[in-house]
Amino acid sequence: MNTLQVNKISLPSINFESLRFAFKELDWHTIDHAPWKVEFPYIPKVKFQIAYNSEYIFIKYHVQEEFVKATYVRANENVWEDSCVEFFVSFDNKQSYYNFEFNALGTGLIGYGSAVKTERKRLTAEEIDSVDVYTQLSKINGKKQWEISLIIPITLFGDKRLEGSTFHANFYKCGDELPKPHFVTWNTIDLPKPNFHRPDFFGEINFI
């Protein structure tokens, strides 16, 4: 099982410039497991950084892929069909979890509940809009790449203390409706078909 340390950072203000400066000091982690590569052999290059403070969790993804698709523009639409990055996190030992899914436009979907589909619910558009998002798309030497930074308010999780705690999470990259569909993970998933909604395969994240 993968583990990582999530550092607490201090920002003079919560904005893109402060966040960009802070991320320069953080480690990168790769999303490079392809459990279903026989059927879906394409593997984009994906990495992420993560940090937190008393009010927010900060995540930055960097993606290099052959095709970039961003169709959905409203909260809770099918963003997983686009070029999409995802963060799933459980605070109760994998009994329930939140799924954060954002496409290259910054359109988000956030759900909460157990792994039983009928027991899950979506957060409201207003709650999803409380997550500030910065995106950037470029093409350099013929290679398309994009970045997305998420500023996730801890208040979305209720009265939650992060510092000194260990939780469970996984990080993903997908693109169900891209010319080259793919499903890659940070902590691998041992299943015959793609399914990210399996908290039993989450790794550990330690907030230090």
C-alpha atoms as a PDB file:
ATOM      1  CA  MET A   1       0.000   0.000   0.000  1.00  0.00           C
ATOM      2  CA  ASN A   2       1.298   3.447  -0.940  1.00  0.00           C
ATOM      3  CA  THR A   3       1.775   6.041   1.778  1.00  0.00           C
ATOM      4  CA  LEU A   4       2.652   9.720   1.659  1.00  0.00           C
ATOM      5  CA  GLN A   5       3.282  12.591   4.030  1.00  0.00           C
ATOM      6  CA  VAL A   6       1.108  15.693   3.674  1.00  0.00           C
ATOM      7  CA  ASN A   7       2.962  18.767   4.894  1.00  0.00           C
ATOM      8  CA  LYS A   8       1.324  21.708   6.626  1.00  0.00           C
ATOM      9  CA  ILE A   9       2.193  24.977   4.911  1.00  0.00           C
ATOM     10  CA  SER A  10       1.830  28.642   5.741  1.00  0.00           C
ATOM     11  CA  LEU A  11       0.543  31.047   3.104  1.00  0.00           C
ATOM     12  CA  PRO A  12       0.463  34.846   3.436  1.00  0.00           C
ATOM     13  CA  SER A  13      -2.817  34.800   1.522  1.00  0.00           C
ATOM     14  CA  ILE A  14      -4.900  32.238  -0.333  1.00  0.00           C
ATOM     15  CA  ASN A  15      -4.330  32.978  -4.006  1.00  0.00           C
ATOM     16  CA  PHE A  16      -2.682  31.432  -7.029  1.00  0.00           C
ATOM     17  CA  GLU A  17       0.646  33.259  -6.674  1.00  0.00           C
ATOM     18  CA  SER A  18       1.092  32.264  -3.032  1.00  0.00           C
ATOM     19  CA  LEU A  19       0.125  28.695  -3.817  1.00  0.00           C
ATOM     20  CA  ARG A  20       2.479  28.465  -6.794  1.00  0.00           C
ATOM     21  CA  PHE A  21       5.372  29.626  -4.622  1.00  0.00           C
ATOM     22  CA  ALA A  22       4.511  27.132  -1.862  1.00  0.00           C
ATOM     23  CA  PHE A  23       4.241  24.204  -4.294  1.00  0.00           C
ATOM     24  CA  LYS A  24       7.843  24.764  -5.408  1.00  0.00           C
ATOM     25  CA  GLU A  25       8.980  23.287  -2.092  1.00  0.00           C
ATOM     26  CA  LEU A  26       6.758  20.196  -2.180  1.00  0.00           C
ATOM     27  CA  ASP A  27       7.468  16.673  -3.423  1.00  0.00           C
ATOM     28  CA  TRP A  28       5.784  15.284  -6.522  1.00  0.00           C
ATOM     29  CA  HIS A  29       3.983  11.924  -6.435  1.00  0.00           C
ATOM     30  CA  THR A  30       3.261   9.900  -9.569  1.00  0.00           C
ATOM     31  CA  ILE A  31      -0.040   8.429 -10.705  1.00  0.00           C
ATOM     32  CA  ASP A  32       1.336   5.619 -12.835  1.00  0.00           C
ATOM     33  CA  HIS A  33      -0.397   2.349 -11.995  1.00  0.00           C
ATOM     34  CA  ALA A  34      -2.443   1.004 -14.895  1.00  0.00           C
ATOM     35  CA  PRO A  35      -4.340  -1.998 -13.492  1.00  0.00           C
ATOM     36  CA  TRP A  36      -6.298  -2.466 -16.729  1.00  0.00           C
ATOM     37  CA  LYS A  37      -3.515  -1.842 -19.255  1.00  0.00           C
ATOM     38  CA  VAL A  38      -4.338  -4.951 -21.301  1.00  0.00           C
ATOM     39  CA  GLU A  39      -7.645  -3.409 -22.377  1.00  0.00           C
ATOM     40  CA  PHE A  40      -6.563   0.225 -21.914  1.00  0.00           C
ATOM     41  CA  PRO A  41      -2.826   0.355 -22.749  1.00  0.00           C
ATOM     42  CA  TYR A  42      -2.453   4.139 -23.005  1.00  0.00           C
ATOM     43  CA  ILE A  43      -0.829   5.692 -19.915  1.00  0.00           C
ATOM     44  CA  PRO A  44      -0.564   9.501 -19.686  1.00  0.00           C
ATOM     45  CA  LYS A  45       2.149  11.094 -17.575  1.00  0.00           C
ATOM     46  CA  VAL A  46       0.549  12.328 -14.357  1.00  0.00           C
ATOM     47  CA  LYS A  47       1.907  13.602 -11.064  1.00  0.00           C
ATOM     48  CA  PHE A  48       0.515  15.546  -8.122  1.00  0.00           C
ATOM     49  CA  GLN A  49       1.438  17.533  -5.036  1.00  0.00           C
ATOM     50  CA  ILE A  50      -0.588  17.869  -1.859  1.00  0.00           C
ATOM     51  CA  ALA A  51      -0.410  20.072   1.250  1.00  0.00           C
ATOM     52  CA  TYR A  52      -2.743  21.617   3.813  1.00  0.00           C
ATOM     53  CA  ASN A  53      -3.218  24.314   6.419  1.00  0.00           C
ATOM     54  CA  SER A  54      -5.833  24.857   9.116  1.00  0.00           C
ATOM     55  CA  GLU A  55      -8.501  25.773   6.545  1.00  0.00           C
ATOM     56  CA  TYR A  56      -7.752  24.020   3.245  1.00  0.00           C
ATOM     57  CA  ILE A  57      -6.318  21.010   1.471  1.00  0.00           C
ATOM     58  CA  PHE A  58      -4.253  22.039  -1.559  1.00  0.00           C
ATOM     59  CA  ILE A  59      -3.715  19.670  -4.500  1.00  0.00           C
ATOM     60  CA  LYS A  60      -1.912  20.335  -7.748  1.00  0.00           C
ATOM     61  CA  TYR A  61      -1.911  17.926 -10.704  1.00  0.00           C
ATOM     62  CA  HIS A  62       0.346  18.035 -13.758  1.00  0.00           C
ATOM     63  CA  VAL A  63      -0.833  15.999 -16.755  1.00  0.00           C
ATOM     64  CA  GLN A  64       0.794  15.272 -20.090  1.00  0.00           C
ATOM     65  CA  GLU A  65      -1.454  13.376 -22.495  1.00  0.00           C
ATOM     66  CA  GLU A  66      -1.958  12.951 -26.224  1.00  0.00           C
ATOM     67  CA  PHE A  67      -5.545  14.221 -26.241  1.00  0.00           C
ATOM     68  CA  VAL A  68      -7.165  16.816 -23.986  1.00  0.00           C
ATOM     69  CA  LYS A  69     -10.956  16.921 -23.871  1.00  0.00           C
ATOM     70  CA  ALA A  70     -13.086  19.249 -21.744  1.00  0.00           C
ATOM     71  CA  THR A  71     -16.794  19.240 -22.574  1.00  0.00           C
ATOM     72  CA  TYR A  72     -18.700  19.525 -19.316  1.00  0.00           C
ATOM     73  CA  VAL A  73     -19.223  22.970 -17.831  1.00  0.00           C
ATOM     74  CA  ARG A  74     -21.774  22.453 -15.013  1.00  0.00           C
ATOM     75  CA  ALA A  75     -21.245  21.034 -11.545  1.00  0.00           C
ATOM     76  CA  ASN A  76     -21.920  17.301 -11.176  1.00  0.00           C
ATOM     77  CA  GLU A  77     -21.937  16.579 -14.913  1.00  0.00           C
ATOM     78  CA  ASN A  78     -20.027  13.579 -16.298  1.00  0.00           C
ATOM     79  CA  VAL A  79     -16.557  15.086 -15.962  1.00  0.00           C
ATOM     80  CA  TRP A  80     -14.939  11.618 -15.849  1.00  0.00           C
ATOM     81  CA  GLU A  81     -15.621  11.367 -19.580  1.00  0.00           C
ATOM     82  CA  ASP A  82     -13.305  14.351 -20.153  1.00  0.00           C
ATOM     83  CA  SER A  83      -9.627  14.735 -19.316  1.00  0.00           C
ATOM     84  CA  CYS A  84     -10.189  14.314 -15.601  1.00  0.00           C
ATOM     85  CA  VAL A  85      -8.212  14.080 -12.357  1.00  0.00           C
ATOM     86  CA  GLU A  86      -9.696  12.726  -9.144  1.00  0.00           C
ATOM     87  CA  PHE A  87      -9.069  12.654  -5.391  1.00  0.00           C
ATOM     88  CA  PHE A  88     -10.944  10.188  -3.188  1.00  0.00           C
ATOM     89  CA  VAL A  89     -10.498  10.448   0.591  1.00  0.00           C
ATOM     90  CA  SER A  90     -11.895   8.607   3.621  1.00  0.00           C
ATOM     91  CA  PHE A  91     -11.781   9.944   7.186  1.00  0.00           C
ATOM     92  CA  ASP A  92     -13.436   6.950   8.873  1.00  0.00           C
ATOM     93  CA  ASN A  93     -11.236   3.985   8.012  1.00  0.00           C
ATOM     94  CA  LYS A  94     -12.755   3.431   4.563  1.00  0.00           C
ATOM     95  CA  GLN A  95     -16.364   3.182   5.703  1.00  0.00           C
ATOM     96  CA  SER A  96     -17.298   6.225   3.641  1.00  0.00           C
ATOM     97  CA  TYR A  97     -15.424   8.625   1.390  1.00  0.00           C
ATOM     98  CA  TYR A  98     -15.554  11.805  -0.646  1.00  0.00           C
ATOM     99  CA  ASN A  99     -14.812  11.780  -4.385  1.00  0.00           C
ATOM    100  CA  PHE A 100     -13.503  14.978  -5.978  1.00  0.00           C
ATOM    101  CA  GLU A 101     -13.471  14.848  -9.795  1.00  0.00           C
ATOM    102  CA  PHE A 102     -12.417  17.812 -11.952  1.00  0.00           C
ATOM    103  CA  ASN A 103     -11.874  18.167 -15.687  1.00  0.00           C
ATOM    104  CA  ALA A 104      -9.338  20.375 -17.464  1.00  0.00           C
ATOM    105  CA  LEU A 105     -11.789  23.305 -17.406  1.00  0.00           C
ATOM    106  CA  GLY A 106     -12.100  23.136 -13.631  1.00  0.00           C
ATOM    107  CA  THR A 107     -15.654  21.764 -13.741  1.00  0.00           C
ATOM    108  CA  GLY A 108     -16.219  19.643 -10.662  1.00  0.00           C
ATOM    109  CA  LEU A 109     -18.206  16.736  -9.328  1.00  0.00           C
ATOM    110  CA  ILE A 110     -18.119  15.892  -5.613  1.00  0.00           C
ATOM    111  CA  GLY A 111     -19.871  12.965  -3.979  1.00  0.00           C
ATOM    112  CA  TYR A 112     -20.023  11.441  -0.496  1.00  0.00           C
ATOM    113  CA  GLY A 113     -21.138   8.177   1.089  1.00  0.00           C
ATOM    114  CA  SER A 114     -20.245   4.504   1.255  1.00  0.00           C
ATOM    115  CA  ALA A 115     -19.112   2.384  -1.674  1.00  0.00           C
ATOM    116  CA  VAL A 116     -22.733   1.279  -2.159  1.00  0.00           C
ATOM    117  CA  LYS A 117     -23.901   3.366  -5.097  1.00  0.00           C
ATOM    118  CA  THR A 118     -27.444   3.846  -3.789  1.00  0.00           C
ATOM    119  CA  GLU A 119     -26.059   5.274  -0.531  1.00  0.00           C
ATOM    120  CA  ARG A 120     -23.977   8.002  -2.168  1.00  0.00           C
ATOM    121  CA  LYS A 121     -25.061  11.598  -2.696  1.00  0.00           C
ATOM    122  CA  ARG A 122     -23.708  14.574  -4.614  1.00  0.00           C
ATOM    123  CA  LEU A 123     -22.767  17.860  -3.008  1.00  0.00           C
ATOM    124  CA  THR A 124     -24.641  20.920  -4.253  1.00  0.00           C
ATOM    125  CA  ALA A 125     -23.306  23.195  -6.989  1.00  0.00           C
ATOM    126  CA  GLU A 126     -22.811  25.884  -4.346  1.00  0.00           C
ATOM    127  CA  GLU A 127     -20.684  23.541  -2.222  1.00  0.00           C
ATOM    128  CA  ILE A 128     -18.662  22.476  -5.254  1.00  0.00           C
ATOM    129  CA  ASP A 129     -18.079  26.125  -6.164  1.00  0.00           C
ATOM    130  CA  SER A 130     -16.503  26.639  -2.732  1.00  0.00           C
ATOM    131  CA  VAL A 131     -13.493  24.745  -4.130  1.00  0.00           C
ATOM    132  CA  ASP A 132     -11.332  27.317  -5.894  1.00  0.00           C
ATOM    133  CA  VAL A 133      -9.659  25.985  -9.037  1.00  0.00           C
ATOM    134  CA  TYR A 134      -6.758  27.215 -11.174  1.00  0.00           C
ATOM    135  CA  THR A 135      -6.097  25.564 -14.551  1.00  0.00           C
ATOM    136  CA  GLN A 136      -3.551  26.025 -17.323  1.00  0.00           C
ATOM    137  CA  LEU A 137      -3.244  24.293 -20.692  1.00  0.00           C
ATOM    138  CA  SER A 138      -0.222  24.415 -22.989  1.00  0.00           C
ATOM    139  CA  LYS A 139       1.337  22.671 -25.968  1.00  0.00           C
ATOM    140  CA  ILE A 140       5.142  22.523 -25.942  1.00  0.00           C
ATOM    141  CA  ASN A 141       7.204  20.740 -28.602  1.00  0.00           C
ATOM    142  CA  GLY A 142       4.045  19.091 -29.840  1.00  0.00           C
ATOM    143  CA  LYS A 143       3.115  17.716 -26.414  1.00  0.00           C
ATOM    144  CA  LYS A 144      -0.094  18.769 -24.698  1.00  0.00           C
ATOM    145  CA  GLN A 145       0.013  19.295 -20.975  1.00  0.00           C
ATOM    146  CA  TRP A 146      -2.235  20.849 -18.384  1.00  0.00           C
ATOM    147  CA  GLU A 147      -2.179  21.696 -14.719  1.00  0.00           C
ATOM    148  CA  ILE A 148      -4.945  22.098 -12.204  1.00  0.00           C
ATOM    149  CA  SER A 149      -4.732  23.307  -8.606  1.00  0.00           C
ATOM    150  CA  LEU A 150      -7.554  22.710  -6.128  1.00  0.00           C
ATOM    151  CA  ILE A 151      -8.139  24.643  -2.903  1.00  0.00           C
ATOM    152  CA  ILE A 152     -10.536  22.451  -0.922  1.00  0.00           C
ATOM    153  CA  PRO A 153     -12.158  23.972   2.196  1.00  0.00           C
ATOM    154  CA  ILE A 154     -11.899  21.593   5.149  1.00  0.00           C
ATOM    155  CA  THR A 155     -15.366  22.761   6.192  1.00  0.00           C
ATOM    156  CA  LEU A 156     -16.765  20.564   3.399  1.00  0.00           C
ATOM    157  CA  PHE A 157     -15.875  17.620   5.643  1.00  0.00           C
ATOM    158  CA  GLY A 158     -17.534  19.028   8.757  1.00  0.00           C
ATOM    159  CA  ASP A 159     -15.573  19.541  11.965  1.00  0.00           C
ATOM    160  CA  LYS A 160     -12.434  17.706  10.900  1.00  0.00           C
ATOM    161  CA  ARG A 161      -8.950  17.942  12.413  1.00  0.00           C
ATOM    162  CA  LEU A 162      -6.205  16.887  10.005  1.00  0.00           C
ATOM    163  CA  GLU A 163      -2.913  17.583  11.746  1.00  0.00           C
ATOM    164  CA  GLY A 164      -1.338  14.485  13.279  1.00  0.00           C
ATOM    165  CA  SER A 165      -3.878  12.131  11.719  1.00  0.00           C
ATOM    166  CA  THR A 166      -3.666   9.316   9.178  1.00  0.00           C
ATOM    167  CA  PHE A 167      -6.463   8.861   6.661  1.00  0.00           C
ATOM    168  CA  HIS A 168      -6.970   6.869   3.465  1.00  0.00           C
ATOM    169  CA  ALA A 169      -7.083   8.143  -0.095  1.00  0.00           C
ATOM    170  CA  ASN A 170      -6.411   7.488  -3.737  1.00  0.00           C
ATOM    171  CA  PHE A 171      -5.575   9.756  -6.670  1.00  0.00           C
ATOM    172  CA  TYR A 172      -6.626   9.060 -10.238  1.00  0.00           C
ATOM    173  CA  LYS A 173      -6.478  10.179 -13.850  1.00  0.00           C
ATOM    174  CA  CYS A 174      -9.100   9.062 -16.332  1.00  0.00           C
ATOM    175  CA  GLY A 175     -10.670   9.939 -19.659  1.00  0.00           C
ATOM    176  CA  ASP A 176     -13.521   7.575 -20.417  1.00  0.00           C
ATOM    177  CA  GLU A 177     -14.543   9.214 -23.695  1.00  0.00           C
ATOM    178  CA  LEU A 178     -11.142  10.256 -25.022  1.00  0.00           C
ATOM    179  CA  PRO A 179      -9.782   8.771 -28.263  1.00  0.00           C
ATOM    180  CA  LYS A 180      -7.472   6.738 -26.021  1.00  0.00           C
ATOM    181  CA  PRO A 181      -9.477   5.914 -22.868  1.00  0.00           C
ATOM    182  CA  HIS A 182      -7.375   5.337 -19.754  1.00  0.00           C
ATOM    183  CA  PHE A 183      -7.671   4.676 -16.037  1.00  0.00           C
ATOM    184  CA  VAL A 184      -4.538   5.186 -13.941  1.00  0.00           C
ATOM    185  CA  THR A 185      -4.133   5.246 -10.180  1.00  0.00           C
ATOM    186  CA  TRP A 186      -1.738   6.258  -7.411  1.00  0.00           C
ATOM    187  CA  ASN A 187      -2.446   3.184  -5.289  1.00  0.00           C
ATOM    188  CA  THR A 188      -3.123   0.206  -7.505  1.00  0.00           C
ATOM    189  CA  ILE A 189      -6.496  -1.558  -7.693  1.00  0.00           C
ATOM    190  CA  ASP A 190      -6.701  -5.330  -8.079  1.00  0.00           C
ATOM    191  CA  LEU A 191      -9.933  -5.763 -10.005  1.00  0.00           C
ATOM    192  CA  PRO A 192     -10.724  -7.170 -13.473  1.00  0.00           C
ATOM    193  CA  LYS A 193     -12.490  -3.992 -14.697  1.00  0.00           C
ATOM    194  CA  PRO A 194     -12.004  -0.260 -14.036  1.00  0.00           C
ATOM    195  CA  ASN A 195     -13.633   0.876 -10.802  1.00  0.00           C
ATOM    196  CA  PHE A 196     -12.238   3.771  -8.770  1.00  0.00           C
ATOM    197  CA  HIS A 197     -14.987   3.531  -6.142  1.00  0.00           C
ATOM    198  CA  ARG A 198     -13.186   0.942  -4.052  1.00  0.00           C
ATOM    199  CA  PRO A 199     -11.954   2.377  -0.738  1.00  0.00           C
ATOM    200  CA  ASP A 200     -10.498  -1.020   0.162  1.00  0.00           C
ATOM    201  CA  PHE A 201      -7.698  -0.127  -2.280  1.00  0.00           C
ATOM    202  CA  PHE A 202      -6.979   3.327  -0.871  1.00  0.00           C
ATOM    203  CA  GLY A 203      -3.472   4.168   0.320  1.00  0.00           C
ATOM    204  CA  GLU A 204      -2.496   6.066   3.476  1.00  0.00           C
ATOM    205  CA  ILE A 205      -1.972   9.818   3.752  1.00  0.00           C
ATOM    206  CA  ASN A 206      -0.390  11.209   6.917  1.00  0.00           C
ATOM    207  CA  PHE A 207      -1.042  14.847   7.781  1.00  0.00           C
ATOM    208  CA  ILE A 208       2.076  15.985   9.641  1.00  0.00           C
END
